[in-house]
Amino acid sequence: MKRKAEGEPGSPSTKKNLQFIGVNGGYESTSSDDSSSESSDEGSDSSEYHEAREKLPESTVQHQQTAHNKASQPPESTGVPQQTSVPLPAAIPDSHSPSQDAKLPDQVPQSPVTDTVVQQSYTAVLQEWLRVSCHKAANTAVVKAYMDTFASISPQLLEFVINMADGNGNTALHYTVSHSNFPVVKLLLDTGLCNADKQNKAGYTAIMLTALAAFHSDSDLQTVLQLLRTGDVNAKASQAGQTALMLAVSHGRGDMVRALLSCGAQVNIRDDDGSTALMCACEHGHVDIVRQLLSVPGCDATLTDNVTARVTISEKNTAAEASGFLRQLLVFGRSR
């Protein structure tokens, strides 16, 4: 976890300042001074990620037909939804435009003959899929129509398209979770083909993005639980080693903490600094979450991080002293 350089090690005002990197690579401050409450409304405010400033590029693929290929052209109607270069709707100013940089999959063969054609084709498909599925107001019926078309060609094609990543490594699942568009998230998950553990270039999986997602109904919650059961809830972000639980704790998301714990999130995992979710909850003053974590069997309140013990309990302290410290913390939190 990232720490501020200021402040004395023993100062109670010195708090760990996690930085959550959004789907487009922008840093989100998670200091406790402006961390969100458990309410979904505040969670929604916190989920406004750094937006890409540029729209999707116009398709570079132009179909040029000669007299020869006109004669051998297959039937025109293929059932595939018509390609369009319409950008993301202007009526959604806060929608997150997917990165315009297309990323070729590792398995695509590269050669002087096919390189350009493959990249143009991949870019066109990626652009259209992200345009349809990844903006904030993506329509479930339209997304389902596209998915049905891909599946009718082959399940392999559907799997390939669903897991396509833009230049920032974000898939449709990353974007729909970050937008809290859980009806579309459910459509993707119901295929059984989503790679929920795929990290973007910032090192985050779609599961980690739930730390800032807002859900407003039981249906949304059930979709969140479905996502958590699909992937690894204990996976670590590549940049600082944080887990989804640590991110939810740092944002004061007690609802997501409960969901993660119910799906097997481990409380004693440490990040690259040696910090645990409990340490993070203590530093940010989230008393209710401290209680949640302490109620988990096996939660170790005596662990220390790799740098300092300013907000943790020294290994030399007894269990009774540790319990007394935590009681004081809870009393202090209630008196605030």
C-alpha atoms as a PDB file:
ATOM      1  CA  MET A   1       0.000   0.000   0.000  1.00  0.00           C
ATOM      2  CA  LYS A   2       1.226   3.509  -0.765  1.00  0.00           C
ATOM      3  CA  ARG A   3       2.105   5.705   2.238  1.00  0.00           C
ATOM      4  CA  LYS A   4       2.488   9.439   2.626  1.00  0.00           C
ATOM      5  CA  ALA A   5       6.032  10.501   3.331  1.00  0.00           C
ATOM      6  CA  GLU A   6       4.919  13.083   5.894  1.00  0.00           C
ATOM      7  CA  GLY A   7       4.036  12.483   9.477  1.00  0.00           C
ATOM      8  CA  GLU A   8       5.806  10.892  12.374  1.00  0.00           C
ATOM      9  CA  PRO A   9       5.567   7.090  12.620  1.00  0.00           C
ATOM     10  CA  GLY A  10       3.603   7.354  15.836  1.00  0.00           C
ATOM     11  CA  SER A  11       1.278  10.103  14.689  1.00  0.00           C
ATOM     12  CA  PRO A  12      -2.394   9.049  14.593  1.00  0.00           C
ATOM     13  CA  SER A  13      -2.960  11.481  11.747  1.00  0.00           C
ATOM     14  CA  THR A  14      -0.597   9.584   9.463  1.00  0.00           C
ATOM     15  CA  LYS A  15      -2.758   7.349   7.316  1.00  0.00           C
ATOM     16  CA  LYS A  16      -2.109   5.026   4.476  1.00  0.00           C
ATOM     17  CA  ASN A  17      -3.217   6.581   1.207  1.00  0.00           C
ATOM     18  CA  LEU A  18      -4.193   3.885  -1.247  1.00  0.00           C
ATOM     19  CA  GLN A  19      -4.357   4.892  -4.867  1.00  0.00           C
ATOM     20  CA  PHE A  20      -6.912   3.029  -6.901  1.00  0.00           C
ATOM     21  CA  ILE A  21      -6.115   3.011 -10.578  1.00  0.00           C
ATOM     22  CA  GLY A  22      -9.216   3.257 -12.747  1.00  0.00           C
ATOM     23  CA  VAL A  23      -9.917   1.269 -15.852  1.00  0.00           C
ATOM     24  CA  ASN A  24      -8.227   3.852 -18.035  1.00  0.00           C
ATOM     25  CA  GLY A  25      -5.124   4.126 -15.868  1.00  0.00           C
ATOM     26  CA  GLY A  26      -6.071   7.254 -13.924  1.00  0.00           C
ATOM     27  CA  TYR A  27      -5.298   7.340 -10.213  1.00  0.00           C
ATOM     28  CA  GLU A  28      -8.162   7.625  -7.750  1.00  0.00           C
ATOM     29  CA  SER A  29      -7.368   9.002  -4.292  1.00  0.00           C
ATOM     30  CA  THR A  30      -8.566   6.803  -1.472  1.00  0.00           C
ATOM     31  CA  SER A  31      -7.392   8.765   1.558  1.00  0.00           C
ATOM     32  CA  SER A  32      -9.632   8.376   4.549  1.00  0.00           C
ATOM     33  CA  ASP A  33     -10.574  12.043   4.511  1.00  0.00           C
ATOM     34  CA  ASP A  34     -12.781  11.496   1.478  1.00  0.00           C
ATOM     35  CA  SER A  35     -13.399   7.777   1.548  1.00  0.00           C
ATOM     36  CA  SER A  36     -16.984   6.822   0.842  1.00  0.00           C
ATOM     37  CA  SER A  37     -19.531   5.468   3.280  1.00  0.00           C
ATOM     38  CA  GLU A  38     -21.348   2.181   2.911  1.00  0.00           C
ATOM     39  CA  SER A  39     -24.235   3.723   1.036  1.00  0.00           C
ATOM     40  CA  SER A  40     -24.529   2.853  -2.603  1.00  0.00           C
ATOM     41  CA  ASP A  41     -25.134   6.518  -3.498  1.00  0.00           C
ATOM     42  CA  GLU A  42     -21.730   7.558  -2.197  1.00  0.00           C
ATOM     43  CA  GLY A  43     -20.175   4.479  -3.747  1.00  0.00           C
ATOM     44  CA  SER A  44     -21.578   5.658  -7.047  1.00  0.00           C
ATOM     45  CA  ASP A  45     -19.875   9.036  -6.646  1.00  0.00           C
ATOM     46  CA  SER A  46     -16.564   7.315  -5.930  1.00  0.00           C
ATOM     47  CA  SER A  47     -16.871   5.156  -9.018  1.00  0.00           C
ATOM     48  CA  GLU A  48     -16.310   7.983 -11.496  1.00  0.00           C
ATOM     49  CA  TYR A  49     -13.084   6.877 -13.099  1.00  0.00           C
ATOM     50  CA  HIS A  50     -10.587   8.846 -15.131  1.00  0.00           C
ATOM     51  CA  GLU A  51     -12.142   9.174 -18.551  1.00  0.00           C
ATOM     52  CA  ALA A  52     -10.430   8.767 -21.877  1.00  0.00           C
ATOM     53  CA  ARG A  53     -10.523  12.075 -23.726  1.00  0.00           C
ATOM     54  CA  GLU A  54     -10.667  10.642 -27.190  1.00  0.00           C
ATOM     55  CA  LYS A  55     -13.513   8.814 -28.869  1.00  0.00           C
ATOM     56  CA  LEU A  56     -13.203   5.511 -30.567  1.00  0.00           C
ATOM     57  CA  PRO A  57     -11.414   5.773 -33.900  1.00  0.00           C
ATOM     58  CA  GLU A  58     -13.269   5.486 -37.123  1.00  0.00           C
ATOM     59  CA  SER A  59     -12.970   2.048 -38.620  1.00  0.00           C
ATOM     60  CA  THR A  60      -9.936   1.748 -40.823  1.00  0.00           C
ATOM     61  CA  VAL A  61     -11.369  -1.234 -42.620  1.00  0.00           C
ATOM     62  CA  GLN A  62     -12.892  -0.296 -45.961  1.00  0.00           C
ATOM     63  CA  HIS A  63     -14.322  -2.988 -48.153  1.00  0.00           C
ATOM     64  CA  GLN A  64     -13.021  -2.494 -51.676  1.00  0.00           C
ATOM     65  CA  GLN A  65     -14.595  -4.834 -54.176  1.00  0.00           C
ATOM     66  CA  THR A  66     -13.247  -5.630 -57.636  1.00  0.00           C
ATOM     67  CA  ALA A  67     -15.114  -7.267 -60.473  1.00  0.00           C
ATOM     68  CA  HIS A  68     -13.472 -10.557 -59.619  1.00  0.00           C
ATOM     69  CA  ASN A  69     -14.469 -10.723 -55.967  1.00  0.00           C
ATOM     70  CA  LYS A  70     -17.955  -9.462 -56.803  1.00  0.00           C
ATOM     71  CA  ALA A  71     -18.451 -12.572 -58.875  1.00  0.00           C
ATOM     72  CA  SER A  72     -17.268 -14.863 -56.085  1.00  0.00           C
ATOM     73  CA  GLN A  73     -18.842 -12.933 -53.208  1.00  0.00           C
ATOM     74  CA  PRO A  74     -20.958 -15.049 -50.798  1.00  0.00           C
ATOM     75  CA  PRO A  75     -24.556 -14.074 -49.990  1.00  0.00           C
ATOM     76  CA  GLU A  76     -24.699 -10.551 -48.553  1.00  0.00           C
ATOM     77  CA  SER A  77     -26.815 -11.302 -45.495  1.00  0.00           C
ATOM     78  CA  THR A  78     -24.802 -13.018 -42.771  1.00  0.00           C
ATOM     79  CA  GLY A  79     -26.853 -12.212 -39.697  1.00  0.00           C
ATOM     80  CA  VAL A  80     -23.927 -10.290 -38.170  1.00  0.00           C
ATOM     81  CA  PRO A  81     -25.042  -6.897 -36.781  1.00  0.00           C
ATOM     82  CA  GLN A  82     -24.142  -4.109 -39.175  1.00  0.00           C
ATOM     83  CA  GLN A  83     -20.893  -2.270 -38.466  1.00  0.00           C
ATOM     84  CA  THR A  84     -21.256   1.403 -37.661  1.00  0.00           C
ATOM     85  CA  SER A  85     -18.748   4.091 -36.850  1.00  0.00           C
ATOM     86  CA  VAL A  86     -21.116   6.058 -34.601  1.00  0.00           C
ATOM     87  CA  PRO A  87     -19.153   7.236 -31.516  1.00  0.00           C
ATOM     88  CA  LEU A  88     -20.361   6.808 -27.959  1.00  0.00           C
ATOM     89  CA  PRO A  89     -23.634   8.720 -27.383  1.00  0.00           C
ATOM     90  CA  ALA A  90     -22.996  12.398 -26.687  1.00  0.00           C
ATOM     91  CA  ALA A  91     -25.889  12.333 -24.221  1.00  0.00           C
ATOM     92  CA  ILE A  92     -23.713  10.429 -21.766  1.00  0.00           C
ATOM     93  CA  PRO A  93     -20.955  12.928 -20.900  1.00  0.00           C
ATOM     94  CA  ASP A  94     -19.583  10.871 -18.022  1.00  0.00           C
ATOM     95  CA  SER A  95     -19.368   7.589 -19.885  1.00  0.00           C
ATOM     96  CA  HIS A  96     -15.930   6.014 -20.134  1.00  0.00           C
ATOM     97  CA  SER A  97     -14.666   5.802 -23.647  1.00  0.00           C
ATOM     98  CA  PRO A  98     -12.703   2.620 -24.179  1.00  0.00           C
ATOM     99  CA  SER A  99      -9.131   3.087 -25.234  1.00  0.00           C
ATOM    100  CA  GLN A 100      -8.728   3.606 -28.947  1.00  0.00           C
ATOM    101  CA  ASP A 101      -5.600   1.466 -29.091  1.00  0.00           C
ATOM    102  CA  ALA A 102      -6.385  -2.052 -30.220  1.00  0.00           C
ATOM    103  CA  LYS A 103      -4.315  -4.844 -28.743  1.00  0.00           C
ATOM    104  CA  LEU A 104      -3.712  -7.875 -30.879  1.00  0.00           C
ATOM    105  CA  PRO A 105      -4.107 -11.200 -29.077  1.00  0.00           C
ATOM    106  CA  ASP A 106      -1.007 -13.270 -28.522  1.00  0.00           C
ATOM    107  CA  GLN A 107      -2.297 -16.129 -30.654  1.00  0.00           C
ATOM    108  CA  VAL A 108      -2.731 -14.063 -33.836  1.00  0.00           C
ATOM    109  CA  PRO A 109       0.058 -14.995 -36.281  1.00  0.00           C
ATOM    110  CA  GLN A 110       2.181 -12.073 -37.383  1.00  0.00           C
ATOM    111  CA  SER A 111       3.627 -11.957 -40.890  1.00  0.00           C
ATOM    112  CA  PRO A 112       4.297  -9.289 -43.520  1.00  0.00           C
ATOM    113  CA  VAL A 113       1.366 -10.591 -45.559  1.00  0.00           C
ATOM    114  CA  THR A 114      -1.322 -10.820 -42.865  1.00  0.00           C
ATOM    115  CA  ASP A 115      -0.137  -8.273 -40.298  1.00  0.00           C
ATOM    116  CA  THR A 116      -2.054  -5.258 -41.578  1.00  0.00           C
ATOM    117  CA  VAL A 117      -5.208  -7.135 -42.506  1.00  0.00           C
ATOM    118  CA  VAL A 118      -5.371  -8.930 -39.165  1.00  0.00           C
ATOM    119  CA  GLN A 119      -4.844  -5.735 -37.199  1.00  0.00           C
ATOM    120  CA  GLN A 120      -7.448  -3.827 -39.200  1.00  0.00           C
ATOM    121  CA  SER A 121      -9.978  -6.624 -38.790  1.00  0.00           C
ATOM    122  CA  TYR A 122      -9.293  -6.992 -35.088  1.00  0.00           C
ATOM    123  CA  THR A 123      -9.542  -3.227 -34.555  1.00  0.00           C
ATOM    124  CA  ALA A 124     -12.880  -3.072 -36.369  1.00  0.00           C
ATOM    125  CA  VAL A 125     -14.405  -5.901 -34.321  1.00  0.00           C
ATOM    126  CA  LEU A 126     -12.987  -4.576 -31.046  1.00  0.00           C
ATOM    127  CA  GLN A 127     -14.209  -1.057 -31.781  1.00  0.00           C
ATOM    128  CA  GLU A 128     -17.741  -2.194 -32.554  1.00  0.00           C
ATOM    129  CA  TRP A 129     -17.966  -4.563 -29.570  1.00  0.00           C
ATOM    130  CA  LEU A 130     -16.750  -1.954 -27.094  1.00  0.00           C
ATOM    131  CA  ARG A 131     -19.030   0.667 -28.643  1.00  0.00           C
ATOM    132  CA  VAL A 132     -22.043  -1.559 -28.080  1.00  0.00           C
ATOM    133  CA  SER A 133     -21.235  -3.104 -24.706  1.00  0.00           C
ATOM    134  CA  CYS A 134     -18.990  -0.795 -22.720  1.00  0.00           C
ATOM    135  CA  HIS A 135     -20.595   2.607 -22.384  1.00  0.00           C
ATOM    136  CA  LYS A 136     -22.512   3.483 -19.248  1.00  0.00           C
ATOM    137  CA  ALA A 137     -25.978   3.122 -20.784  1.00  0.00           C
ATOM    138  CA  ALA A 138     -25.291  -0.048 -22.764  1.00  0.00           C
ATOM    139  CA  ASN A 139     -28.573  -1.720 -23.705  1.00  0.00           C
ATOM    140  CA  THR A 140     -28.910  -5.331 -22.596  1.00  0.00           C
ATOM    141  CA  ALA A 141     -31.099  -6.268 -25.577  1.00  0.00           C
ATOM    142  CA  VAL A 142     -28.564  -4.921 -28.069  1.00  0.00           C
ATOM    143  CA  VAL A 143     -25.635  -6.571 -26.296  1.00  0.00           C
ATOM    144  CA  LYS A 144     -27.522  -9.874 -26.182  1.00  0.00           C
ATOM    145  CA  ALA A 145     -28.283  -9.656 -29.913  1.00  0.00           C
ATOM    146  CA  TYR A 146     -24.590  -9.283 -30.680  1.00  0.00           C
ATOM    147  CA  MET A 147     -23.671 -12.126 -28.346  1.00  0.00           C
ATOM    148  CA  ASP A 148     -26.305 -14.407 -29.877  1.00  0.00           C
ATOM    149  CA  THR A 149     -24.897 -13.671 -33.317  1.00  0.00           C
ATOM    150  CA  PHE A 150     -21.350 -14.501 -32.240  1.00  0.00           C
ATOM    151  CA  ALA A 151     -22.528 -17.689 -30.514  1.00  0.00           C
ATOM    152  CA  SER A 152     -24.446 -18.787 -33.617  1.00  0.00           C
ATOM    153  CA  ILE A 153     -21.171 -18.709 -35.540  1.00  0.00           C
ATOM    154  CA  SER A 154     -19.210 -20.548 -32.863  1.00  0.00           C
ATOM    155  CA  PRO A 155     -18.795 -20.580 -29.067  1.00  0.00           C
ATOM    156  CA  GLN A 156     -15.088 -19.967 -29.626  1.00  0.00           C
ATOM    157  CA  LEU A 157     -15.841 -16.707 -31.421  1.00  0.00           C
ATOM    158  CA  LEU A 158     -18.117 -15.573 -28.594  1.00  0.00           C
ATOM    159  CA  GLU A 159     -15.426 -16.341 -26.010  1.00  0.00           C
ATOM    160  CA  PHE A 160     -12.814 -14.530 -28.071  1.00  0.00           C
ATOM    161  CA  VAL A 161     -14.914 -11.378 -28.489  1.00  0.00           C
ATOM    162  CA  ILE A 162     -16.111 -11.230 -24.872  1.00  0.00           C
ATOM    163  CA  ASN A 163     -12.521 -11.283 -23.608  1.00  0.00           C
ATOM    164  CA  MET A 164     -11.138  -8.806 -26.144  1.00  0.00           C
ATOM    165  CA  ALA A 165      -9.067  -6.088 -24.465  1.00  0.00           C
ATOM    166  CA  ASP A 166      -8.480  -2.500 -25.505  1.00  0.00           C
ATOM    167  CA  GLY A 167      -5.140  -0.697 -25.396  1.00  0.00           C
ATOM    168  CA  ASN A 168      -5.369  -0.348 -21.604  1.00  0.00           C
ATOM    169  CA  GLY A 169      -6.046  -4.051 -21.143  1.00  0.00           C
ATOM    170  CA  ASN A 170      -9.706  -3.525 -20.253  1.00  0.00           C
ATOM    171  CA  THR A 171     -12.363  -5.987 -21.332  1.00  0.00           C
ATOM    172  CA  ALA A 172     -16.120  -5.491 -21.517  1.00  0.00           C
ATOM    173  CA  LEU A 173     -16.308  -6.948 -18.009  1.00  0.00           C
ATOM    174  CA  HIS A 174     -13.941  -4.269 -16.665  1.00  0.00           C
ATOM    175  CA  TYR A 175     -16.018  -1.486 -18.184  1.00  0.00           C
ATOM    176  CA  THR A 176     -19.469  -2.789 -17.267  1.00  0.00           C
ATOM    177  CA  VAL A 177     -18.435  -3.363 -13.647  1.00  0.00           C
ATOM    178  CA  SER A 178     -16.861   0.096 -13.405  1.00  0.00           C
ATOM    179  CA  HIS A 179     -20.104   1.579 -14.751  1.00  0.00           C
ATOM    180  CA  SER A 180     -22.177  -0.539 -12.326  1.00  0.00           C
ATOM    181  CA  ASN A 181     -24.117  -1.816 -15.347  1.00  0.00           C
ATOM    182  CA  PHE A 182     -24.956  -5.107 -13.672  1.00  0.00           C
ATOM    183  CA  PRO A 183     -27.621  -6.307 -16.148  1.00  0.00           C
ATOM    184  CA  VAL A 184     -24.915  -6.380 -18.840  1.00  0.00           C
ATOM    185  CA  VAL A 185     -22.424  -7.849 -16.353  1.00  0.00           C
ATOM    186  CA  LYS A 186     -24.871 -10.700 -15.795  1.00  0.00           C
ATOM    187  CA  LEU A 187     -25.242 -11.261 -19.546  1.00  0.00           C
ATOM    188  CA  LEU A 188     -21.472 -11.631 -19.832  1.00  0.00           C
ATOM    189  CA  LEU A 189     -21.161 -13.900 -16.800  1.00  0.00           C
ATOM    190  CA  ASP A 190     -24.045 -16.140 -17.857  1.00  0.00           C
ATOM    191  CA  THR A 191     -22.070 -17.229 -20.918  1.00  0.00           C
ATOM    192  CA  GLY A 192     -19.566 -18.944 -18.625  1.00  0.00           C
ATOM    193  CA  LEU A 193     -16.824 -17.672 -20.933  1.00  0.00           C
ATOM    194  CA  CYS A 194     -15.623 -14.515 -19.151  1.00  0.00           C
ATOM    195  CA  ASN A 195     -12.089 -14.408 -17.807  1.00  0.00           C
ATOM    196  CA  ALA A 196     -12.825 -12.629 -14.523  1.00  0.00           C
ATOM    197  CA  ASP A 197      -9.159 -12.841 -13.472  1.00  0.00           C
ATOM    198  CA  LYS A 198      -7.802 -10.918 -16.444  1.00  0.00           C
ATOM    199  CA  GLN A 199      -5.784  -7.904 -15.284  1.00  0.00           C
ATOM    200  CA  ASN A 200      -5.714  -4.616 -17.130  1.00  0.00           C
ATOM    201  CA  LYS A 201      -2.482  -2.681 -17.575  1.00  0.00           C
ATOM    202  CA  ALA A 202      -3.013  -1.010 -14.209  1.00  0.00           C
ATOM    203  CA  GLY A 203      -2.994  -4.477 -12.666  1.00  0.00           C
ATOM    204  CA  TYR A 204      -6.660  -4.751 -11.707  1.00  0.00           C
ATOM    205  CA  THR A 205      -9.232  -7.432 -12.402  1.00  0.00           C
ATOM    206  CA  ALA A 206     -12.954  -6.799 -12.811  1.00  0.00           C
ATOM    207  CA  ILE A 207     -13.460  -8.244  -9.323  1.00  0.00           C
ATOM    208  CA  MET A 208     -11.195  -5.552  -7.866  1.00  0.00           C
ATOM    209  CA  LEU A 209     -13.252  -2.858  -9.582  1.00  0.00           C
ATOM    210  CA  THR A 210     -16.289  -3.876  -7.523  1.00  0.00           C
ATOM    211  CA  ALA A 211     -14.676  -1.943  -4.648  1.00  0.00           C
ATOM    212  CA  LEU A 212     -16.035   1.232  -6.239  1.00  0.00           C
ATOM    213  CA  ALA A 213     -19.106  -0.155  -7.971  1.00  0.00           C
ATOM    214  CA  ALA A 214     -22.546   0.799  -6.680  1.00  0.00           C
ATOM    215  CA  PHE A 215     -25.440  -1.627  -6.537  1.00  0.00           C
ATOM    216  CA  HIS A 216     -28.975  -0.557  -5.774  1.00  0.00           C
ATOM    217  CA  SER A 217     -30.999  -3.752  -5.727  1.00  0.00           C
ATOM    218  CA  ASP A 218     -30.868  -7.347  -4.609  1.00  0.00           C
ATOM    219  CA  SER A 219     -30.531  -8.329  -8.256  1.00  0.00           C
ATOM    220  CA  ASP A 220     -27.366  -6.232  -8.525  1.00  0.00           C
ATOM    221  CA  LEU A 221     -26.011  -7.833  -5.358  1.00  0.00           C
ATOM    222  CA  GLN A 222     -26.663 -11.317  -6.712  1.00  0.00           C
ATOM    223  CA  THR A 223     -24.763 -10.421  -9.879  1.00  0.00           C
ATOM    224  CA  VAL A 224     -21.853  -9.132  -7.783  1.00  0.00           C
ATOM    225  CA  LEU A 225     -21.796 -12.417  -5.868  1.00  0.00           C
ATOM    226  CA  GLN A 226     -21.884 -14.321  -9.169  1.00  0.00           C
ATOM    227  CA  LEU A 227     -18.855 -12.349 -10.341  1.00  0.00           C
ATOM    228  CA  LEU A 228     -16.975 -12.945  -7.096  1.00  0.00           C
ATOM    229  CA  ARG A 229     -17.576 -16.692  -7.394  1.00  0.00           C
ATOM    230  CA  THR A 230     -16.424 -16.699 -11.010  1.00  0.00           C
ATOM    231  CA  GLY A 231     -12.882 -15.522 -10.349  1.00  0.00           C
ATOM    232  CA  ASP A 232     -10.213 -15.350  -7.669  1.00  0.00           C
ATOM    233  CA  VAL A 233     -11.332 -12.978  -4.898  1.00  0.00           C
ATOM    234  CA  ASN A 234      -7.862 -13.192  -3.331  1.00  0.00           C
ATOM    235  CA  ALA A 235      -5.912 -12.192  -6.434  1.00  0.00           C
ATOM    236  CA  LYS A 236      -3.440  -9.346  -5.909  1.00  0.00           C
ATOM    237  CA  ALA A 237      -3.115  -6.254  -8.061  1.00  0.00           C
ATOM    238  CA  SER A 238       0.224  -6.281  -9.828  1.00  0.00           C
ATOM    239  CA  GLN A 239       1.280  -2.771  -8.779  1.00  0.00           C
ATOM    240  CA  ALA A 240       1.008  -2.886  -4.980  1.00  0.00           C
ATOM    241  CA  GLY A 241      -0.287  -6.344  -4.192  1.00  0.00           C
ATOM    242  CA  GLN A 242      -3.680  -5.198  -2.899  1.00  0.00           C
ATOM    243  CA  THR A 243      -6.659  -7.520  -2.955  1.00  0.00           C
ATOM    244  CA  ALA A 244     -10.286  -6.687  -3.663  1.00  0.00           C
ATOM    245  CA  LEU A 245     -10.937  -6.870   0.088  1.00  0.00           C
ATOM    246  CA  MET A 246      -8.246  -4.282   0.843  1.00  0.00           C
ATOM    247  CA  LEU A 247      -9.637  -1.941  -1.789  1.00  0.00           C
ATOM    248  CA  ALA A 248     -13.194  -2.304  -0.473  1.00  0.00           C
ATOM    249  CA  VAL A 249     -11.975  -1.707   3.087  1.00  0.00           C
ATOM    250  CA  SER A 250     -10.014   1.412   2.135  1.00  0.00           C
ATOM    251  CA  HIS A 251     -13.121   2.878   0.530  1.00  0.00           C
ATOM    252  CA  GLY A 252     -15.290   2.107   3.538  1.00  0.00           C
ATOM    253  CA  ARG A 253     -17.482  -0.247   1.525  1.00  0.00           C
ATOM    254  CA  GLY A 254     -18.930  -2.445   4.252  1.00  0.00           C
ATOM    255  CA  ASP A 255     -21.434  -3.928   1.807  1.00  0.00           C
ATOM    256  CA  MET A 256     -18.663  -5.118  -0.504  1.00  0.00           C
ATOM    257  CA  VAL A 257     -16.605  -6.332   2.464  1.00  0.00           C
ATOM    258  CA  ARG A 258     -19.529  -8.556   3.494  1.00  0.00           C
ATOM    259  CA  ALA A 259     -19.929  -9.835  -0.056  1.00  0.00           C
ATOM    260  CA  LEU A 260     -16.217 -10.597  -0.417  1.00  0.00           C
ATOM    261  CA  LEU A 261     -16.009 -12.356   2.948  1.00  0.00           C
ATOM    262  CA  SER A 262     -19.021 -14.496   2.037  1.00  0.00           C
ATOM    263  CA  CYS A 263     -17.189 -15.581  -1.119  1.00  0.00           C
ATOM    264  CA  GLY A 264     -13.982 -16.637   0.615  1.00  0.00           C
ATOM    265  CA  ALA A 265     -11.882 -13.473   0.772  1.00  0.00           C
ATOM    266  CA  GLN A 266      -8.981 -14.040   3.187  1.00  0.00           C
ATOM    267  CA  VAL A 267      -8.441 -11.412   5.869  1.00  0.00           C
ATOM    268  CA  ASN A 268      -4.778 -12.109   6.656  1.00  0.00           C
ATOM    269  CA  ILE A 269      -3.347 -11.682   3.156  1.00  0.00           C
ATOM    270  CA  ARG A 270      -0.675  -8.958   3.029  1.00  0.00           C
ATOM    271  CA  ASP A 271       0.078  -6.496   0.287  1.00  0.00           C
ATOM    272  CA  ASP A 272       3.582  -5.592  -0.875  1.00  0.00           C
ATOM    273  CA  ASP A 273       4.081  -3.469   2.260  1.00  0.00           C
ATOM    274  CA  GLY A 274       2.977  -6.301   4.518  1.00  0.00           C
ATOM    275  CA  SER A 275      -0.329  -4.634   5.396  1.00  0.00           C
ATOM    276  CA  THR A 276      -3.583  -6.531   5.881  1.00  0.00           C
ATOM    277  CA  ALA A 277      -7.197  -5.494   5.394  1.00  0.00           C
ATOM    278  CA  LEU A 278      -7.518  -5.045   9.175  1.00  0.00           C
ATOM    279  CA  MET A 279      -4.577  -2.630   9.262  1.00  0.00           C
ATOM    280  CA  CYS A 280      -6.145  -0.678   6.427  1.00  0.00           C
ATOM    281  CA  ALA A 281      -9.497  -0.478   8.237  1.00  0.00           C
ATOM    282  CA  CYS A 282      -7.755   0.772  11.388  1.00  0.00           C
ATOM    283  CA  GLU A 283      -5.780   3.420   9.528  1.00  0.00           C
ATOM    284  CA  HIS A 284      -8.839   4.783   7.783  1.00  0.00           C
ATOM    285  CA  GLY A 285     -10.951   4.719  10.931  1.00  0.00           C
ATOM    286  CA  HIS A 286     -13.649   2.408   9.561  1.00  0.00           C
ATOM    287  CA  VAL A 287     -14.783   1.073  12.928  1.00  0.00           C
ATOM    288  CA  ASP A 288     -17.705  -0.983  11.626  1.00  0.00           C
ATOM    289  CA  ILE A 289     -15.423  -2.711   9.136  1.00  0.00           C
ATOM    290  CA  VAL A 290     -12.896  -3.385  11.915  1.00  0.00           C
ATOM    291  CA  ARG A 291     -15.690  -5.199  13.737  1.00  0.00           C
ATOM    292  CA  GLN A 292     -16.590  -7.120  10.583  1.00  0.00           C
ATOM    293  CA  LEU A 293     -13.031  -8.299  10.074  1.00  0.00           C
ATOM    294  CA  LEU A 294     -12.480  -9.206  13.730  1.00  0.00           C
ATOM    295  CA  SER A 295     -15.599 -11.386  13.614  1.00  0.00           C
ATOM    296  CA  VAL A 296     -14.016 -13.550  10.911  1.00  0.00           C
ATOM    297  CA  PRO A 297     -12.565 -16.757  12.412  1.00  0.00           C
ATOM    298  CA  GLY A 298      -8.786 -16.708  12.149  1.00  0.00           C
ATOM    299  CA  CYS A 299      -8.429 -12.950  11.742  1.00  0.00           C
ATOM    300  CA  ASP A 300      -4.968 -12.199  13.161  1.00  0.00           C
ATOM    301  CA  ALA A 301      -4.819  -8.839  14.929  1.00  0.00           C
ATOM    302  CA  THR A 302      -1.168  -9.314  15.926  1.00  0.00           C
ATOM    303  CA  LEU A 303       0.351  -9.136  12.450  1.00  0.00           C
ATOM    304  CA  THR A 304       2.694  -6.271  11.619  1.00  0.00           C
ATOM    305  CA  ASP A 305       3.577  -4.780   8.272  1.00  0.00           C
ATOM    306  CA  ASN A 306       7.033  -4.554   6.712  1.00  0.00           C
ATOM    307  CA  VAL A 307       7.625  -0.906   7.517  1.00  0.00           C
ATOM    308  CA  THR A 308       6.155   0.218  10.800  1.00  0.00           C
ATOM    309  CA  ALA A 309       3.840  -0.804  13.598  1.00  0.00           C
ATOM    310  CA  ARG A 310       2.288   2.614  14.048  1.00  0.00           C
ATOM    311  CA  VAL A 311      -1.259   1.352  13.525  1.00  0.00           C
ATOM    312  CA  THR A 312      -0.755  -2.331  14.176  1.00  0.00           C
ATOM    313  CA  ILE A 313      -0.055  -4.291  17.298  1.00  0.00           C
ATOM    314  CA  SER A 314       3.501  -5.230  18.109  1.00  0.00           C
ATOM    315  CA  GLU A 315       4.345  -8.902  17.956  1.00  0.00           C
ATOM    316  CA  LYS A 316       5.638  -8.527  21.515  1.00  0.00           C
ATOM    317  CA  ASN A 317       2.211  -7.583  22.850  1.00  0.00           C
ATOM    318  CA  THR A 318       0.104 -10.247  24.455  1.00  0.00           C
ATOM    319  CA  ALA A 319      -3.314 -11.241  23.178  1.00  0.00           C
ATOM    320  CA  ALA A 320      -4.886  -9.362  26.088  1.00  0.00           C
ATOM    321  CA  GLU A 321      -3.023  -6.173  25.192  1.00  0.00           C
ATOM    322  CA  ALA A 322      -4.087  -6.577  21.582  1.00  0.00           C
ATOM    323  CA  SER A 323      -7.705  -6.950  22.621  1.00  0.00           C
ATOM    324  CA  GLY A 324      -7.416  -3.875  24.842  1.00  0.00           C
ATOM    325  CA  PHE A 325      -5.957  -1.834  22.010  1.00  0.00           C
ATOM    326  CA  LEU A 326      -8.793  -2.760  19.691  1.00  0.00           C
ATOM    327  CA  ARG A 327     -11.403  -1.996  22.351  1.00  0.00           C
ATOM    328  CA  GLN A 328      -9.867   1.458  22.753  1.00  0.00           C
ATOM    329  CA  LEU A 329      -9.993   1.918  19.004  1.00  0.00           C
ATOM    330  CA  LEU A 330     -13.676   1.005  18.879  1.00  0.00           C
ATOM    331  CA  VAL A 331     -14.505   3.309  21.802  1.00  0.00           C
ATOM    332  CA  PHE A 332     -12.599   6.114  20.112  1.00  0.00           C
ATOM    333  CA  GLY A 333     -14.510   5.506  16.887  1.00  0.00           C
ATOM    334  CA  ARG A 334     -17.892   5.617  18.624  1.00  0.00           C
ATOM    335  CA  SER A 335     -16.999   8.887  20.362  1.00  0.00           C
ATOM    336  CA  ARG A 336     -16.186  10.688  17.112  1.00  0.00           C
END
